Amino acid sequence: MSETAKYKGGRPRVDAQPITLRLPPELLGGVDRYIAHEQSIAGRSLTRPEAVRHALRNWLAGHGYQHHRGDPDGAN
């Protein structure tokens, strides 16, 4: 990505539904640690909403409720 290109991250689609989510401190701490981990290994900074969407997407795919984006055949 060029230095002039702006990273849009995990911005939700226009047709996405907003939800309100309250997290207890121990879960929020886990989200923040995940964000720090992604920053250290991938060099990208996630927002809390992006991190929660990423974790939920991976959990749903891992349990067979949703396919990974790059796996149309459903092998996860």
PDB file of N, CA and C in Angstrom:
ATOM      1  N   MET A   1       0.850  -1.173   0.000  1.00  0.00           N
ATOM      2  CA  MET A   1       0.000   0.000   0.000  1.00  0.00           C
ATOM      3  C   MET A   1       0.889   1.227   0.000  1.00  0.00           C
ATOM      4  N   SER A   2       0.556   2.173  -0.825  1.00  0.00           N
ATOM      5  CA  SER A   2       1.367   3.382  -0.876  1.00  0.00           C
ATOM      6  C   SER A   2       1.146   4.224   0.371  1.00  0.00           C
ATOM      7  N   GLU A   3       2.086   5.110   0.598  1.00  0.00           N
ATOM      8  CA  GLU A   3       1.969   5.977   1.770  1.00  0.00           C
ATOM      9  C   GLU A   3       0.794   6.933   1.649  1.00  0.00           C
ATOM     10  N   THR A   4       0.349   7.201   0.431  1.00  0.00           N
ATOM     11  CA  THR A   4      -0.764   8.128   0.245  1.00  0.00           C
ATOM     12  C   THR A   4      -2.106   7.425   0.339  1.00  0.00           C
ATOM     13  N   ALA A   5      -2.127   6.105   0.183  1.00  0.00           N
ATOM     14  CA  ALA A   5      -3.388   5.371   0.282  1.00  0.00           C
ATOM     15  C   ALA A   5      -3.818   5.314   1.739  1.00  0.00           C
ATOM     16  N   LYS A   6      -5.086   5.542   1.978  1.00  0.00           N
ATOM     17  CA  LYS A   6      -5.597   5.541   3.342  1.00  0.00           C
ATOM     18  C   LYS A   6      -6.178   4.167   3.662  1.00  0.00           C
ATOM     19  N   TYR A   7      -5.743   3.600   4.790  1.00  0.00           N
ATOM     20  CA  TYR A   7      -6.253   2.298   5.224  1.00  0.00           C
ATOM     21  C   TYR A   7      -7.647   2.487   5.786  1.00  0.00           C
ATOM     22  N   LYS A   8      -8.619   1.781   5.226  1.00  0.00           N
ATOM     23  CA  LYS A   8      -9.992   1.901   5.691  1.00  0.00           C
ATOM     24  C   LYS A   8     -10.365   0.807   6.674  1.00  0.00           C
ATOM     25  N   GLY A   9      -9.475  -0.168   6.839  1.00  0.00           N
ATOM     26  CA  GLY A   9      -9.682  -1.189   7.858  1.00  0.00           C
ATOM     27  C   GLY A   9     -10.959  -1.968   7.691  1.00  0.00           C
ATOM     28  N   GLY A  10     -11.586  -2.235   8.791  1.00  0.00           N
ATOM     29  CA  GLY A  10     -12.780  -3.066   8.796  1.00  0.00           C
ATOM     30  C   GLY A  10     -14.063  -2.270   8.832  1.00  0.00           C
ATOM     31  N   ARG A  11     -14.082  -1.157   8.159  1.00  0.00           N
ATOM     32  CA  ARG A  11     -15.286  -0.342   8.169  1.00  0.00           C
ATOM     33  C   ARG A  11     -16.475  -1.174   7.692  1.00  0.00           C
ATOM     34  N   PRO A  12     -17.587  -1.132   8.428  1.00  0.00           N
ATOM     35  CA  PRO A  12     -18.742  -1.945   8.037  1.00  0.00           C
ATOM     36  C   PRO A  12     -19.394  -1.433   6.757  1.00  0.00           C
ATOM     37  N   ARG A  13     -20.054  -2.336   6.083  1.00  0.00           N
ATOM     38  CA  ARG A  13     -20.781  -1.962   4.872  1.00  0.00           C
ATOM     39  C   ARG A  13     -21.905  -0.998   5.232  1.00  0.00           C
ATOM     40  N   VAL A  14     -22.371  -0.290   4.236  1.00  0.00           N
ATOM     41  CA  VAL A  14     -23.436   0.692   4.450  1.00  0.00           C
ATOM     42  C   VAL A  14     -24.705   0.017   4.964  1.00  0.00           C
ATOM     43  N   ASP A  15     -24.968  -1.221   4.520  1.00  0.00           N
ATOM     44  CA  ASP A  15     -26.196  -1.895   4.927  1.00  0.00           C
ATOM     45  C   ASP A  15     -26.045  -2.661   6.247  1.00  0.00           C
ATOM     46  N   ALA A  16     -24.951  -2.447   6.983  1.00  0.00           N
ATOM     47  CA  ALA A  16     -24.731  -3.127   8.252  1.00  0.00           C
ATOM     48  C   ALA A  16     -25.626  -2.522   9.338  1.00  0.00           C
ATOM     49  N   GLN A  17     -26.016  -3.355  10.279  1.00  0.00           N
ATOM     50  CA  GLN A  17     -26.866  -2.912  11.382  1.00  0.00           C
ATOM     51  C   GLN A  17     -26.006  -2.590  12.603  1.00  0.00           C
ATOM     52  N   PRO A  18     -26.176  -1.414  13.186  1.00  0.00           N
ATOM     53  CA  PRO A  18     -25.409  -1.096  14.388  1.00  0.00           C
ATOM     54  C   PRO A  18     -25.981  -1.829  15.599  1.00  0.00           C
ATOM     55  N   ILE A  19     -25.099  -2.220  16.515  1.00  0.00           N
ATOM     56  CA  ILE A  19     -25.525  -2.811  17.779  1.00  0.00           C
ATOM     57  C   ILE A  19     -24.754  -2.135  18.903  1.00  0.00           C
ATOM     58  N   THR A  20     -25.331  -2.160  20.089  1.00  0.00           N
ATOM     59  CA  THR A  20     -24.644  -1.651  21.270  1.00  0.00           C
ATOM     60  C   THR A  20     -24.163  -2.850  22.049  1.00  0.00           C
ATOM     61  N   LEU A  21     -22.920  -2.827  22.446  1.00  0.00           N
ATOM     62  CA  LEU A  21     -22.327  -3.959  23.141  1.00  0.00           C
ATOM     63  C   LEU A  21     -21.534  -3.443  24.329  1.00  0.00           C
ATOM     64  N   ARG A  22     -21.865  -3.948  25.505  1.00  0.00           N
ATOM     65  CA  ARG A  22     -21.098  -3.604  26.700  1.00  0.00           C
ATOM     66  C   ARG A  22     -20.268  -4.813  27.075  1.00  0.00           C
ATOM     67  N   LEU A  23     -18.993  -4.579  27.349  1.00  0.00           N
ATOM     68  CA  LEU A  23     -18.089  -5.666  27.702  1.00  0.00           C
ATOM     69  C   LEU A  23     -17.567  -5.469  29.113  1.00  0.00           C
ATOM     70  N   PRO A  24     -17.514  -6.548  29.890  1.00  0.00           N
ATOM     71  CA  PRO A  24     -16.882  -6.438  31.202  1.00  0.00           C
ATOM     72  C   PRO A  24     -15.385  -6.197  31.027  1.00  0.00           C
ATOM     73  N   PRO A  25     -14.733  -5.661  32.055  1.00  0.00           N
ATOM     74  CA  PRO A  25     -13.318  -5.288  31.935  1.00  0.00           C
ATOM     75  C   PRO A  25     -12.416  -6.420  31.448  1.00  0.00           C
ATOM     76  N   GLU A  26     -12.672  -7.659  31.866  1.00  0.00           N
ATOM     77  CA  GLU A  26     -11.782  -8.747  31.447  1.00  0.00           C
ATOM     78  C   GLU A  26     -11.902  -9.040  29.946  1.00  0.00           C
ATOM     79  N   LEU A  27     -13.087  -8.919  29.372  1.00  0.00           N
ATOM     80  CA  LEU A  27     -13.237  -9.110  27.924  1.00  0.00           C
ATOM     81  C   LEU A  27     -12.654  -7.922  27.163  1.00  0.00           C
ATOM     82  N   LEU A  28     -12.884  -6.727  27.657  1.00  0.00           N
ATOM     83  CA  LEU A  28     -12.331  -5.551  27.006  1.00  0.00           C
ATOM     84  C   LEU A  28     -10.808  -5.586  27.039  1.00  0.00           C
ATOM     85  N   GLY A  29     -10.255  -6.069  28.129  1.00  0.00           N
ATOM     86  CA  GLY A  29      -8.802  -6.225  28.215  1.00  0.00           C
ATOM     87  C   GLY A  29      -8.294  -7.205  27.175  1.00  0.00           C
ATOM     88  N   GLY A  30      -9.050  -8.291  26.971  1.00  0.00           N
ATOM     89  CA  GLY A  30      -8.675  -9.259  25.944  1.00  0.00           C
ATOM     90  C   GLY A  30      -8.721  -8.655  24.550  1.00  0.00           C
ATOM     91  N   VAL A  31      -9.726  -7.851  24.282  1.00  0.00           N
ATOM     92  CA  VAL A  31      -9.826  -7.170  22.986  1.00  0.00           C
ATOM     93  C   VAL A  31      -8.628  -6.245  22.799  1.00  0.00           C
ATOM     94  N   ASP A  32      -8.289  -5.507  23.843  1.00  0.00           N
ATOM     95  CA  ASP A  32      -7.145  -4.595  23.746  1.00  0.00           C
ATOM     96  C   ASP A  32      -5.829  -5.348  23.556  1.00  0.00           C
ATOM     97  N   ARG A  33      -5.688  -6.506  24.201  1.00  0.00           N
ATOM     98  CA  ARG A  33      -4.469  -7.306  24.003  1.00  0.00           C
ATOM     99  C   ARG A  33      -4.404  -7.848  22.582  1.00  0.00           C
ATOM    100  N   TYR A  34      -5.541  -8.251  22.034  1.00  0.00           N
ATOM    101  CA  TYR A  34      -5.588  -8.713  20.646  1.00  0.00           C
ATOM    102  C   TYR A  34      -5.173  -7.582  19.699  1.00  0.00           C
ATOM    103  N   ILE A  35      -5.667  -6.377  19.950  1.00  0.00           N
ATOM    104  CA  ILE A  35      -5.300  -5.223  19.128  1.00  0.00           C
ATOM    105  C   ILE A  35      -3.797  -4.985  19.199  1.00  0.00           C
ATOM    106  N   ALA A  36      -3.233  -5.043  20.399  1.00  0.00           N
ATOM    107  CA  ALA A  36      -1.786  -4.843  20.566  1.00  0.00           C
ATOM    108  C   ALA A  36      -1.002  -5.935  19.850  1.00  0.00           C
ATOM    109  N   HIS A  37      -1.500  -7.180  19.906  1.00  0.00           N
ATOM    110  CA  HIS A  37      -0.845  -8.299  19.224  1.00  0.00           C
ATOM    111  C   HIS A  37      -0.843  -8.072  17.714  1.00  0.00           C
ATOM    112  N   GLU A  38      -1.977  -7.691  17.151  1.00  0.00           N
ATOM    113  CA  GLU A  38      -2.067  -7.417  15.718  1.00  0.00           C
ATOM    114  C   GLU A  38      -1.130  -6.280  15.319  1.00  0.00           C
ATOM    115  N   GLN A  39      -1.016  -5.279  16.170  1.00  0.00           N
ATOM    116  CA  GLN A  39      -0.120  -4.156  15.888  1.00  0.00           C
ATOM    117  C   GLN A  39       1.327  -4.628  15.860  1.00  0.00           C
ATOM    118  N   SER A  40       1.681  -5.512  16.795  1.00  0.00           N
ATOM    119  CA  SER A  40       3.082  -5.937  16.886  1.00  0.00           C
ATOM    120  C   SER A  40       3.481  -6.906  15.776  1.00  0.00           C
ATOM    121  N   ILE A  41       2.570  -7.810  15.342  1.00  0.00           N
ATOM    122  CA  ILE A  41       2.969  -8.789  14.332  1.00  0.00           C
ATOM    123  C   ILE A  41       2.621  -8.370  12.905  1.00  0.00           C
ATOM    124  N   ALA A  42       1.530  -7.651  12.745  1.00  0.00           N
ATOM    125  CA  ALA A  42       1.104  -7.293  11.388  1.00  0.00           C
ATOM    126  C   ALA A  42       1.337  -5.817  11.082  1.00  0.00           C
ATOM    127  N   GLY A  43       1.674  -5.046  12.097  1.00  0.00           N
ATOM    128  CA  GLY A  43       1.914  -3.635  11.879  1.00  0.00           C
ATOM    129  C   GLY A  43       0.676  -2.841  11.539  1.00  0.00           C
ATOM    130  N   ARG A  44      -0.491  -3.406  11.844  1.00  0.00           N
ATOM    131  CA  ARG A  44      -1.722  -2.664  11.565  1.00  0.00           C
ATOM    132  C   ARG A  44      -2.450  -2.396  12.874  1.00  0.00           C
ATOM    133  N   SER A  45      -3.067  -1.266  12.919  1.00  0.00           N
ATOM    134  CA  SER A  45      -3.776  -0.864  14.118  1.00  0.00           C
ATOM    135  C   SER A  45      -5.267  -1.055  13.892  1.00  0.00           C
ATOM    136  N   LEU A  46      -5.908  -1.800  14.767  1.00  0.00           N
ATOM    137  CA  LEU A  46      -7.343  -2.031  14.683  1.00  0.00           C
ATOM    138  C   LEU A  46      -8.066  -1.169  15.705  1.00  0.00           C
ATOM    139  N   THR A  47      -9.273  -0.781  15.381  1.00  0.00           N
ATOM    140  CA  THR A  47     -10.128  -0.164  16.379  1.00  0.00           C
ATOM    141  C   THR A  47     -10.799  -1.279  17.162  1.00  0.00           C
ATOM    142  N   ARG A  48     -11.381  -0.957  18.284  1.00  0.00           N
ATOM    143  CA  ARG A  48     -12.102  -1.977  19.049  1.00  0.00           C
ATOM    144  C   ARG A  48     -13.236  -2.596  18.235  1.00  0.00           C
ATOM    145  N   PRO A  49     -14.073  -1.799  17.550  1.00  0.00           N
ATOM    146  CA  PRO A  49     -15.127  -2.425  16.735  1.00  0.00           C
ATOM    147  C   PRO A  49     -14.578  -3.359  15.655  1.00  0.00           C
ATOM    148  N   GLU A  50     -13.467  -2.960  15.005  1.00  0.00           N
ATOM    149  CA  GLU A  50     -12.864  -3.824  13.986  1.00  0.00           C
ATOM    150  C   GLU A  50     -12.381  -5.127  14.609  1.00  0.00           C
ATOM    151  N   ALA A  51     -11.767  -5.038  15.775  1.00  0.00           N
ATOM    152  CA  ALA A  51     -11.255  -6.229  16.442  1.00  0.00           C
ATOM    153  C   ALA A  51     -12.390  -7.166  16.834  1.00  0.00           C
ATOM    154  N   VAL A  52     -13.486  -6.623  17.330  1.00  0.00           N
ATOM    155  CA  VAL A  52     -14.636  -7.451  17.715  1.00  0.00           C
ATOM    156  C   VAL A  52     -15.245  -8.108  16.479  1.00  0.00           C
ATOM    157  N   ARG A  53     -15.375  -7.346  15.380  1.00  0.00           N
ATOM    158  CA  ARG A  53     -15.909  -7.943  14.137  1.00  0.00           C
ATOM    159  C   ARG A  53     -15.008  -9.065  13.650  1.00  0.00           C
ATOM    160  N   HIS A  54     -13.702  -8.854  13.693  1.00  0.00           N
ATOM    161  CA  HIS A  54     -12.750  -9.866  13.242  1.00  0.00           C
ATOM    162  C   HIS A  54     -12.861 -11.126  14.103  1.00  0.00           C
ATOM    163  N   ALA A  55     -12.886 -10.965  15.418  1.00  0.00           N
ATOM    164  CA  ALA A  55     -12.978 -12.113  16.330  1.00  0.00           C
ATOM    165  C   ALA A  55     -14.297 -12.857  16.140  1.00  0.00           C
ATOM    166  N   LEU A  56     -15.386 -12.121  15.993  1.00  0.00           N
ATOM    167  CA  LEU A  56     -16.690 -12.763  15.812  1.00  0.00           C
ATOM    168  C   LEU A  56     -16.747 -13.513  14.484  1.00  0.00           C
ATOM    169  N   ARG A  57     -16.218 -12.903  13.428  1.00  0.00           N
ATOM    170  CA  ARG A  57     -16.203 -13.556  12.115  1.00  0.00           C
ATOM    171  C   ARG A  57     -15.415 -14.867  12.180  1.00  0.00           C
ATOM    172  N   ASN A  58     -14.237 -14.827  12.842  1.00  0.00           N
ATOM    173  CA  ASN A  58     -13.421 -16.038  12.968  1.00  0.00           C
ATOM    174  C   ASN A  58     -14.106 -17.099  13.817  1.00  0.00           C
ATOM    175  N   TRP A  59     -14.759 -16.703  14.891  1.00  0.00           N
ATOM    176  CA  TRP A  59     -15.454 -17.659  15.751  1.00  0.00           C
ATOM    177  C   TRP A  59     -16.604 -18.309  14.987  1.00  0.00           C
ATOM    178  N   LEU A  60     -17.402 -17.511  14.291  1.00  0.00           N
ATOM    179  CA  LEU A  60     -18.533 -18.051  13.525  1.00  0.00           C
ATOM    180  C   LEU A  60     -18.060 -19.022  12.452  1.00  0.00           C
ATOM    181  N   ALA A  61     -16.993 -18.673  11.750  1.00  0.00           N
ATOM    182  CA  ALA A  61     -16.455 -19.550  10.711  1.00  0.00           C
ATOM    183  C   ALA A  61     -15.875 -20.816  11.329  1.00  0.00           C
ATOM    184  N   GLY A  62     -15.190 -20.684  12.448  1.00  0.00           N
ATOM    185  CA  GLY A  62     -14.590 -21.839  13.104  1.00  0.00           C
ATOM    186  C   GLY A  62     -15.600 -22.826  13.644  1.00  0.00           C
ATOM    187  N   HIS A  63     -16.805 -22.350  13.927  1.00  0.00           N
ATOM    188  CA  HIS A  63     -17.860 -23.221  14.441  1.00  0.00           C
ATOM    189  C   HIS A  63     -18.887 -23.588  13.365  1.00  0.00           C
ATOM    190  N   GLY A  64     -18.603 -23.234  12.124  1.00  0.00           N
ATOM    191  CA  GLY A  64     -19.446 -23.648  11.006  1.00  0.00           C
ATOM    192  C   GLY A  64     -20.691 -22.815  10.781  1.00  0.00           C
ATOM    193  N   TYR A  65     -20.778 -21.643  11.401  1.00  0.00           N
ATOM    194  CA  TYR A  65     -21.960 -20.794  11.228  1.00  0.00           C
ATOM    195  C   TYR A  65     -21.822 -19.844  10.049  1.00  0.00           C
ATOM    196  N   GLN A  66     -20.599 -19.649   9.584  1.00  0.00           N
ATOM    197  CA  GLN A  66     -20.348 -18.737   8.473  1.00  0.00           C
ATOM    198  C   GLN A  66     -19.066 -19.185   7.784  1.00  0.00           C
ATOM    199  N   HIS A  67     -19.014 -19.024   6.465  1.00  0.00           N
ATOM    200  CA  HIS A  67     -17.816 -19.378   5.714  1.00  0.00           C
ATOM    201  C   HIS A  67     -16.834 -18.227   5.754  1.00  0.00           C
ATOM    202  N   HIS A  68     -15.538 -18.564   5.699  1.00  0.00           N
ATOM    203  CA  HIS A  68     -14.523 -17.521   5.558  1.00  0.00           C
ATOM    204  C   HIS A  68     -14.714 -16.851   4.212  1.00  0.00           C
ATOM    205  N   ARG A  69     -14.396 -15.598   4.112  1.00  0.00           N
ATOM    206  CA  ARG A  69     -14.556 -14.838   2.863  1.00  0.00           C
ATOM    207  C   ARG A  69     -13.839 -15.483   1.691  1.00  0.00           C
ATOM    208  N   GLY A  70     -12.648 -15.996   1.912  1.00  0.00           N
ATOM    209  CA  GLY A  70     -11.861 -16.569   0.833  1.00  0.00           C
ATOM    210  C   GLY A  70     -12.141 -18.036   0.569  1.00  0.00           C
ATOM    211  N   ASP A  71     -13.208 -18.578   1.173  1.00  0.00           N
ATOM    212  CA  ASP A  71     -13.487 -20.004   1.070  1.00  0.00           C
ATOM    213  C   ASP A  71     -14.942 -20.238   0.702  1.00  0.00           C
ATOM    214  N   PRO A  72     -15.306 -20.020  -0.566  1.00  0.00           N
ATOM    215  CA  PRO A  72     -16.703 -20.158  -0.975  1.00  0.00           C
ATOM    216  C   PRO A  72     -17.255 -21.572  -0.853  1.00  0.00           C
ATOM    217  N   ASP A  73     -16.378 -22.583  -0.818  1.00  0.00           N
ATOM    218  CA  ASP A  73     -16.858 -23.959  -0.721  1.00  0.00           C
ATOM    219  C   ASP A  73     -17.170 -24.386   0.707  1.00  0.00           C
ATOM    220  N   GLY A  74     -16.806 -23.560   1.659  1.00  0.00           N
ATOM    221  CA  GLY A  74     -17.184 -23.837   3.031  1.00  0.00           C
ATOM    222  C   GLY A  74     -16.236 -24.764   3.796  1.00  0.00           C
ATOM    223  N   ALA A  75     -15.028 -24.971   3.332  1.00  0.00           N
ATOM    224  CA  ALA A  75     -14.111 -25.822   4.050  1.00  0.00           C
ATOM    225  C   ALA A  75     -13.490 -25.108   5.242  1.00  0.00           C
ATOM    226  N   ASN A  76     -13.804 -23.815   5.400  1.00  0.00           N
ATOM    227  CA  ASN A  76     -13.274 -22.949   6.444  1.00  0.00           C
ATOM    228  C   ASN A  76     -11.823 -22.931   6.321  1.00  0.00           C
TER     229      ASN A  76
END
